[in-house]
């Protein structure tokens, strides 16, 4: 019985949080969302570039100068 009570409390808190987040996201302007998208794209590009640079460093350290596309070829 006690576990069911805590489950119901957790569900209620989740519903309230979801409603508040929904209201706050509706109040944001398209401009704000556009800048968020731009920052997310920039972050993704930075991560991808860093991945490629680190992969090149590791390949150079072990002496296999291969392109990443070689990993997907038969």
Foldseek 3Di string as FASTA:
>chain_A
DVVVVVVVVVVVVVVVVVVVVVVVVVPDDPVVVVVVVVVVVVVVVVVVVVVLVVVCVVCVVVVHPDDPVVVVDD
